[in-house]
Amino acid sequence: MDDIRWETLLQEFPRKKILVLGDFFLDRYLEIDAALDEPSLETGLTAYQVVGTRLSPGAAGTVANNLVALGVGHILALGVGGEDGHGLELRKVMAERQIDAAYMIWDSETVTPTYTKPMRKEDGEERELNRLDFHNRSQLPINLEDELIRRLWRLVPEVDAVHVMDQVEWEGCGTVTPRVRRELAVIAGQYPKLPILADSRANIHRFRDISIKINVREALVAAGMEVRDPNEELAARAGEILAKELAHPVYVTMAEKGMLVVESEGKITHVPAVPISGPIDPVGAGDSVSAAVISALSADASPVEAAILGNVVASITIQQVGTTGTASPQQILRRLNDWQYTLRTL
């Protein structure tokens, strides 16, 4: 695969429309200045002083944000948020990042899922304190689920690919309910050429008839195998089981060991990780891989080409310490030009 092929592929991204379906969180960073600490007169405890706030779309929003950086022309968001303060902030940052939230559902009885991250700066260094989380812990109401599915079917004929981000661990409490997963399988049958890729924190084993991105430990669990020290052989075996069940390619990530692309006809390709040096921050790396893979598939890349791009993007984002990184097309081309990789068929 030469430079011209990669340039041609990346040049297709601005022409593509990708739907991101799933749990859109608000990542809310509180900047605390330790030099301004005050004792509370009421409790005697230290009152931390917040001097700034950084906002970012999280979970499915992180995938969408990476799609923006990759140059995808139109990113559509579909999920459920609350008509609350965090929901207003989420809408604001989605608009700023050029993520189209016109099809989002905003509900007065729903809590906007939020990760509040206090970041205390002292002696020039910033560290994260205990996180404060806001979650919905009740089942998604039927009327919202009905409307979500109606909008999903409305959008599918208009898009070039669908990425599904199932962040909420409690079954049925997020956007990707059991019924939504069943509808996705039906959509995959009716639109066999439409790339659909799912990622899930706790329920990846519940998807059917679409592609999934999964790490090696999750793959072992989903395949019903014993969870032990993961290696390439176990990852390949688990990937084969899952690809056969799903009848679609499975992308098994193995951190610094790269990625396996397991295709439904039994072909397994190892794509190495890009070697890098220096400090790294893996937060959001998996989401950047997902964004790269679905973008490449939307532009008619092969599964292996999509995995190569995913590893390149991850190598760029993890070098952005202290933030959820992204990668631009220019950075990708430079990294591809510097990286001499060898693919192996297992």
Protein backbone atom coordinates (compact mmCIF):
# COMPACT_ATOMS: atom_id res chain seq x y z
CA MET A 1 0.00 0.00 0.00
CA ASP A 2 1.73 3.14 -1.21
CA ASP A 3 1.45 6.81 -0.29
CA ILE A 4 -0.89 7.53 -3.20
CA ARG A 5 -3.37 4.95 -1.90
CA TRP A 6 -3.40 6.51 1.56
CA GLU A 7 -3.74 10.03 0.18
CA THR A 8 -6.64 8.92 -2.02
CA LEU A 9 -8.33 7.26 0.94
CA LEU A 10 -7.99 10.28 3.21
CA GLN A 11 -9.21 12.60 0.46
CA GLU A 12 -12.50 10.68 0.48
CA PHE A 13 -13.24 11.50 4.11
CA PRO A 14 -14.61 15.04 3.52
CA ARG A 15 -17.21 13.55 1.17
CA LYS A 16 -18.50 11.09 3.77
CA LYS A 17 -21.41 11.25 6.21
CA ILE A 18 -21.08 9.06 9.30
CA LEU A 19 -23.70 8.41 11.95
CA VAL A 20 -22.49 7.98 15.53
CA LEU A 21 -25.16 6.18 17.54
CA GLY A 22 -24.73 5.77 21.27
CA ASP A 23 -24.09 7.31 24.64
CA PHE A 24 -22.94 10.91 24.35
CA PHE A 25 -21.33 11.96 27.62
CA LEU A 26 -20.11 15.35 28.75
CA ASP A 27 -16.49 15.34 29.90
CA ARG A 28 -16.23 18.22 32.38
CA TYR A 29 -12.75 19.11 33.63
CA LEU A 30 -12.54 21.42 36.67
CA GLU A 31 -9.24 23.32 36.85
CA ILE A 32 -8.27 23.70 40.52
CA ASP A 33 -5.45 26.00 41.66
CA ALA A 34 -3.86 24.53 44.82
CA ALA A 35 -2.32 27.91 45.66
CA LEU A 36 -5.82 29.27 46.30
CA ASP A 37 -6.98 26.54 48.71
CA GLU A 38 -9.13 27.92 51.56
CA PRO A 39 -10.44 26.34 54.76
CA SER A 40 -14.20 26.05 54.85
CA LEU A 41 -15.61 28.00 57.82
CA GLU A 42 -18.54 25.60 58.04
CA THR A 43 -16.72 22.25 57.91
CA GLY A 44 -13.04 22.95 58.45
CA LEU A 45 -12.29 20.99 55.29
CA THR A 46 -10.23 22.43 52.46
CA ALA A 47 -12.34 24.27 49.89
CA TYR A 48 -10.75 23.80 46.48
CA GLN A 49 -10.96 26.81 44.19
CA VAL A 50 -12.04 26.17 40.60
CA VAL A 51 -10.44 28.71 38.27
CA GLY A 52 -11.52 27.26 34.94
CA THR A 53 -13.64 24.62 33.25
CA ARG A 54 -12.82 22.57 30.16
CA LEU A 55 -15.65 20.85 28.35
CA SER A 56 -15.51 18.08 25.76
CA PRO A 57 -17.92 15.55 24.25
CA GLY A 58 -17.18 12.16 25.80
CA ALA A 59 -17.81 8.46 25.05
CA ALA A 60 -19.66 8.52 21.70
CA GLY A 61 -18.69 12.18 21.60
CA THR A 62 -15.01 11.22 21.71
CA VAL A 63 -15.49 9.08 18.62
CA ALA A 64 -17.34 11.94 16.91
CA ASN A 65 -14.59 14.37 17.89
CA ASN A 66 -11.99 12.08 16.33
CA LEU A 67 -14.07 11.90 13.14
CA VAL A 68 -14.01 15.69 12.97
CA ALA A 69 -10.22 15.71 13.29
CA LEU A 70 -9.93 13.07 10.56
CA GLY A 71 -11.75 15.41 8.21
CA VAL A 72 -15.02 13.50 7.83
CA GLY A 73 -17.42 15.84 6.11
CA HIS A 74 -20.57 15.34 8.16
CA ILE A 75 -20.88 13.67 11.56
CA LEU A 76 -24.41 12.97 12.77
CA ALA A 77 -25.06 12.26 16.46
CA LEU A 78 -27.94 10.10 17.64
CA GLY A 79 -28.45 9.47 21.35
CA VAL A 80 -30.41 10.59 24.40
CA GLY A 81 -29.46 13.46 26.69
CA GLY A 82 -31.12 15.48 29.39
CA GLU A 83 -32.68 18.91 29.38
CA ASP A 84 -30.40 19.94 32.23
CA GLY A 85 -27.34 22.11 32.71
CA HIS A 86 -24.96 19.42 31.57
CA GLY A 87 -27.14 18.85 28.52
CA LEU A 88 -26.87 22.52 27.60
CA GLU A 89 -23.09 22.34 27.94
CA LEU A 90 -22.98 19.18 25.84
CA ARG A 91 -25.02 20.80 23.06
CA LYS A 92 -22.69 23.81 23.13
CA VAL A 93 -19.47 21.81 22.77
CA MET A 94 -20.98 19.53 20.11
CA ALA A 95 -21.84 22.61 18.07
CA GLU A 96 -18.35 24.02 18.60
CA ARG A 97 -16.82 20.74 17.36
CA GLN A 98 -19.14 20.71 14.31
CA ILE A 99 -20.94 17.56 15.44
CA ASP A 100 -24.49 17.64 14.07
CA ALA A 101 -26.81 17.13 17.06
CA ALA A 102 -30.06 17.85 15.20
CA TYR A 103 -31.23 14.25 15.67
CA MET A 104 -30.32 13.95 19.34
CA ILE A 105 -33.21 13.37 21.75
CA TRP A 106 -33.30 15.73 24.74
CA ASP A 107 -35.62 14.72 27.58
CA SER A 108 -36.57 16.53 30.79
CA GLU A 109 -36.65 13.29 32.83
CA THR A 110 -33.23 12.11 31.64
CA VAL A 111 -29.86 12.87 33.21
CA THR A 112 -27.14 13.89 30.77
CA PRO A 113 -24.36 11.35 31.49
CA THR A 114 -21.36 13.31 32.69
CA TYR A 115 -17.83 12.62 33.89
CA THR A 116 -16.74 15.49 36.13
CA LYS A 117 -12.97 15.39 36.53
CA PRO A 118 -11.40 17.70 39.16
CA MET A 119 -7.85 18.50 38.01
CA ARG A 120 -5.71 19.95 40.82
CA LYS A 121 -2.64 21.90 39.73
CA GLU A 122 0.20 22.16 42.24
CA ASP A 123 3.89 22.98 41.69
CA GLY A 124 3.30 23.06 37.94
CA GLU A 125 1.83 19.56 37.78
CA GLU A 126 -1.80 18.60 37.34
CA ARG A 127 -3.35 15.47 38.80
CA GLU A 128 -6.89 14.14 38.65
CA LEU A 129 -8.84 13.86 41.91
CA ASN A 130 -11.77 11.52 42.48
CA ARG A 131 -14.13 11.70 39.51
CA LEU A 132 -17.79 12.67 39.96
CA ASP A 133 -20.13 10.73 37.67
CA PHE A 134 -23.71 11.41 36.60
CA HIS A 135 -25.54 8.39 35.15
CA ASN A 136 -29.01 7.19 34.30
CA ARG A 137 -29.57 4.03 36.31
CA SER A 138 -33.10 3.27 35.15
CA GLN A 139 -34.32 1.71 31.92
CA LEU A 140 -34.64 3.93 28.86
CA PRO A 141 -38.37 4.79 28.62
CA ILE A 142 -40.24 3.02 25.82
CA ASN A 143 -41.37 6.27 24.19
CA LEU A 144 -37.76 7.48 23.92
CA GLU A 145 -36.62 4.09 22.63
CA ASP A 146 -39.38 4.16 19.98
CA GLU A 147 -38.33 7.63 18.84
CA LEU A 148 -34.66 6.68 18.84
CA ILE A 149 -35.32 3.70 16.56
CA ARG A 150 -37.54 5.80 14.28
CA ARG A 151 -34.73 8.33 13.85
CA LEU A 152 -32.18 5.56 13.30
CA TRP A 153 -34.16 4.11 10.40
CA ARG A 154 -34.69 7.63 9.06
CA LEU A 155 -30.94 8.32 8.97
CA VAL A 156 -29.52 4.99 7.79
CA PRO A 157 -30.28 5.47 4.06
CA GLU A 158 -28.50 8.84 4.12
CA VAL A 159 -25.15 7.85 5.65
CA ASP A 160 -21.99 6.10 4.47
CA ALA A 161 -21.30 4.27 7.74
CA VAL A 162 -22.57 3.83 11.31
CA HIS A 163 -20.48 3.70 14.46
CA VAL A 164 -22.17 2.39 17.62
CA MET A 165 -20.75 3.41 21.00
CA ASP A 166 -22.32 1.54 23.93
CA GLN A 167 -20.74 3.21 26.98
CA VAL A 168 -23.37 2.58 29.66
CA GLU A 169 -22.66 -0.65 31.52
CA TRP A 170 -26.16 -1.25 32.89
CA GLU A 171 -28.19 -3.15 30.30
CA GLY A 172 -31.06 -1.10 28.91
CA CYS A 173 -30.14 2.11 30.77
CA GLY A 174 -28.31 3.78 27.89
CA THR A 175 -28.97 4.50 24.24
CA VAL A 176 -28.01 1.03 22.98
CA THR A 177 -30.77 -1.12 24.45
CA PRO A 178 -31.42 -4.79 23.54
CA ARG A 179 -34.10 -3.65 21.10
CA VAL A 180 -31.75 -1.13 19.46
CA ARG A 181 -29.19 -3.92 18.98
CA ARG A 182 -31.84 -6.09 17.33
CA GLU A 183 -32.76 -3.23 14.99
CA LEU A 184 -29.10 -2.81 14.05
CA ALA A 185 -28.96 -6.47 13.03
CA VAL A 186 -32.05 -5.97 10.85
CA ILE A 187 -30.50 -2.86 9.31
CA ALA A 188 -27.33 -4.80 8.55
CA GLY A 189 -29.41 -7.37 6.69
CA GLN A 190 -31.25 -4.76 4.67
CA TYR A 191 -28.14 -2.67 3.95
CA PRO A 192 -25.38 -5.27 3.51
CA LYS A 193 -22.91 -2.77 2.01
CA LEU A 194 -23.27 -0.27 4.87
CA PRO A 195 -20.30 -0.49 7.30
CA ILE A 196 -21.53 -0.79 10.89
CA LEU A 197 -18.97 -1.02 13.69
CA ALA A 198 -19.77 -1.41 17.39
CA ASP A 199 -17.72 -0.82 20.52
CA SER A 200 -19.08 -1.53 23.99
CA ARG A 201 -17.82 -1.24 27.54
CA ALA A 202 -19.79 -4.23 28.89
CA ASN A 203 -22.12 -5.66 26.26
CA ILE A 204 -20.07 -6.31 23.12
CA HIS A 205 -21.04 -10.00 23.24
CA ARG A 206 -24.69 -9.05 22.77
CA PHE A 207 -24.31 -7.60 19.24
CA ARG A 208 -25.21 -9.65 16.18
CA ASP A 209 -24.61 -9.44 12.43
CA ILE A 210 -22.30 -6.40 12.47
CA SER A 211 -18.56 -5.77 12.92
CA ILE A 212 -17.11 -5.14 16.35
CA LYS A 213 -13.92 -3.63 17.76
CA ILE A 214 -12.87 -5.43 20.92
CA ASN A 215 -9.77 -5.74 23.06
CA VAL A 216 -8.22 -9.14 23.61
CA ARG A 217 -9.51 -9.68 27.15
CA GLU A 218 -13.03 -8.69 26.12
CA ALA A 219 -12.73 -11.04 23.13
CA LEU A 220 -11.89 -14.00 25.38
CA VAL A 221 -14.93 -13.31 27.56
CA ALA A 222 -17.25 -12.75 24.59
CA ALA A 223 -16.07 -15.99 22.96
CA GLY A 224 -16.71 -17.95 26.16
CA MET A 225 -13.02 -18.75 26.63
CA GLU A 226 -11.01 -18.86 29.83
CA VAL A 227 -9.60 -15.45 30.68
CA ARG A 228 -5.87 -15.81 31.24
CA ASP A 229 -2.76 -14.01 30.11
CA PRO A 230 -3.78 -12.96 26.59
CA ASN A 231 -1.56 -13.73 23.63
CA GLU A 232 -1.84 -13.68 19.88
CA GLU A 233 -2.93 -17.30 19.63
CA LEU A 234 -5.78 -16.84 22.11
CA ALA A 235 -6.79 -13.57 20.47
CA ALA A 236 -6.94 -15.29 17.07
CA ARG A 237 -9.03 -18.15 18.42
CA ALA A 238 -11.48 -15.81 20.13
CA GLY A 239 -11.65 -13.61 17.04
CA GLU A 240 -12.46 -16.62 14.86
CA ILE A 241 -15.34 -17.61 17.12
CA LEU A 242 -16.76 -14.08 17.13
CA ALA A 243 -16.31 -13.46 13.39
CA LYS A 244 -18.12 -16.71 12.64
CA GLU A 245 -21.00 -15.78 14.95
CA LEU A 246 -21.27 -12.24 13.58
CA ALA A 247 -20.55 -13.09 9.92
CA HIS A 248 -18.58 -9.84 9.79
CA PRO A 249 -14.96 -8.79 10.40
CA VAL A 250 -13.80 -8.49 14.00
CA TYR A 251 -11.02 -6.11 15.06
CA VAL A 252 -9.15 -7.42 18.13
CA THR A 253 -6.87 -4.79 19.67
CA MET A 254 -3.80 -5.90 21.64
CA ALA A 255 -2.24 -2.59 22.78
CA GLU A 256 1.49 -2.52 21.94
CA LYS A 257 1.15 -5.89 20.17
CA GLY A 258 -1.03 -4.38 17.47
CA MET A 259 -4.33 -5.61 16.14
CA LEU A 260 -5.79 -8.76 14.60
CA VAL A 261 -8.26 -8.45 11.76
CA VAL A 262 -10.38 -11.60 11.73
CA GLU A 263 -12.60 -11.86 8.68
CA SER A 264 -15.69 -14.03 8.59
CA GLU A 265 -14.26 -16.37 5.95
CA GLY A 266 -11.45 -17.31 8.34
CA LYS A 267 -8.65 -15.02 7.19
CA ILE A 268 -6.62 -13.58 10.09
CA THR A 269 -4.16 -10.73 9.60
CA HIS A 270 -1.85 -9.30 12.23
CA VAL A 271 -1.33 -5.55 11.89
CA PRO A 272 1.60 -4.41 14.06
CA ALA A 273 1.45 -1.43 16.38
CA VAL A 274 3.42 1.65 15.40
CA PRO A 275 6.58 1.79 17.56
CA ILE A 276 6.80 5.03 19.52
CA SER A 277 8.93 6.40 22.35
CA GLY A 278 8.47 8.87 25.15
CA PRO A 279 5.56 9.42 27.56
CA ILE A 280 2.12 8.23 26.48
CA ASP A 281 -1.48 8.72 27.61
CA PRO A 282 -3.79 5.89 26.47
CA VAL A 283 -7.04 7.68 27.44
CA GLY A 284 -9.31 7.72 24.40
CA ALA A 285 -6.97 5.59 22.27
CA GLY A 286 -9.64 2.95 21.66
CA ASP A 287 -12.11 5.58 20.50
CA SER A 288 -9.56 7.01 18.08
CA VAL A 289 -9.02 3.51 16.63
CA SER A 290 -12.78 3.11 16.17
CA ALA A 291 -13.07 6.48 14.44
CA ALA A 292 -10.24 5.66 12.06
CA VAL A 293 -11.59 2.20 11.23
CA ILE A 294 -15.15 3.36 10.49
CA SER A 295 -13.87 6.34 8.46
CA ALA A 296 -11.71 4.06 6.32
CA LEU A 297 -14.55 1.57 5.83
CA SER A 298 -16.88 4.40 4.76
CA ALA A 299 -14.37 5.17 1.99
CA ASP A 300 -14.34 1.54 0.79
CA ALA A 301 -11.06 0.57 2.46
CA SER A 302 -10.46 -3.10 3.12
CA PRO A 303 -10.69 -4.32 6.74
CA VAL A 304 -6.89 -4.61 6.88
CA GLU A 305 -6.38 -1.09 5.49
CA ALA A 306 -8.86 0.18 8.10
CA ALA A 307 -6.87 -1.55 10.87
CA ILE A 308 -3.58 -0.06 9.65
CA LEU A 309 -5.13 3.38 9.76
CA GLY A 310 -6.54 2.64 13.22
CA ASN A 311 -3.11 1.75 14.60
CA VAL A 312 -1.54 4.84 13.05
CA VAL A 313 -4.16 7.14 14.55
CA ALA A 314 -3.78 5.51 17.97
CA SER A 315 -0.01 6.02 17.85
CA ILE A 316 -0.59 9.73 17.34
CA THR A 317 -3.31 10.23 19.95
CA ILE A 318 -1.52 8.43 22.79
CA GLN A 319 1.42 10.83 22.48
CA GLN A 320 -0.87 13.72 23.45
CA VAL A 321 -0.44 13.53 27.23
CA GLY A 322 -3.08 14.98 29.56
CA THR A 323 -5.83 15.23 26.96
CA THR A 324 -8.00 13.02 24.80
CA GLY A 325 -5.99 13.22 21.60
CA THR A 326 -6.97 13.33 17.96
CA ALA A 327 -5.10 12.89 14.68
CA SER A 328 -5.28 14.98 11.52
CA PRO A 329 -4.83 13.66 7.95
CA GLN A 330 -1.48 15.48 7.72
CA GLN A 331 -0.20 13.79 10.88
CA ILE A 332 -1.40 10.42 9.59
CA LEU A 333 0.41 10.75 6.27
CA ARG A 334 3.63 11.76 8.01
CA ARG A 335 3.42 8.78 10.35
CA LEU A 336 2.66 6.39 7.49
CA ASN A 337 5.63 7.75 5.56
CA ASP A 338 7.92 7.08 8.54
CA TRP A 339 6.55 3.65 9.45
CA GLN A 340 7.80 0.51 7.71
CA TYR A 341 5.33 -2.21 8.67
CA THR A 342 4.97 -5.88 7.82
CA LEU A 343 1.63 -7.66 7.80
CA ARG A 344 1.41 -11.31 8.79
CA THR A 345 -1.32 -13.77 7.87
CA LEU A 346 -1.96 -16.26 10.66
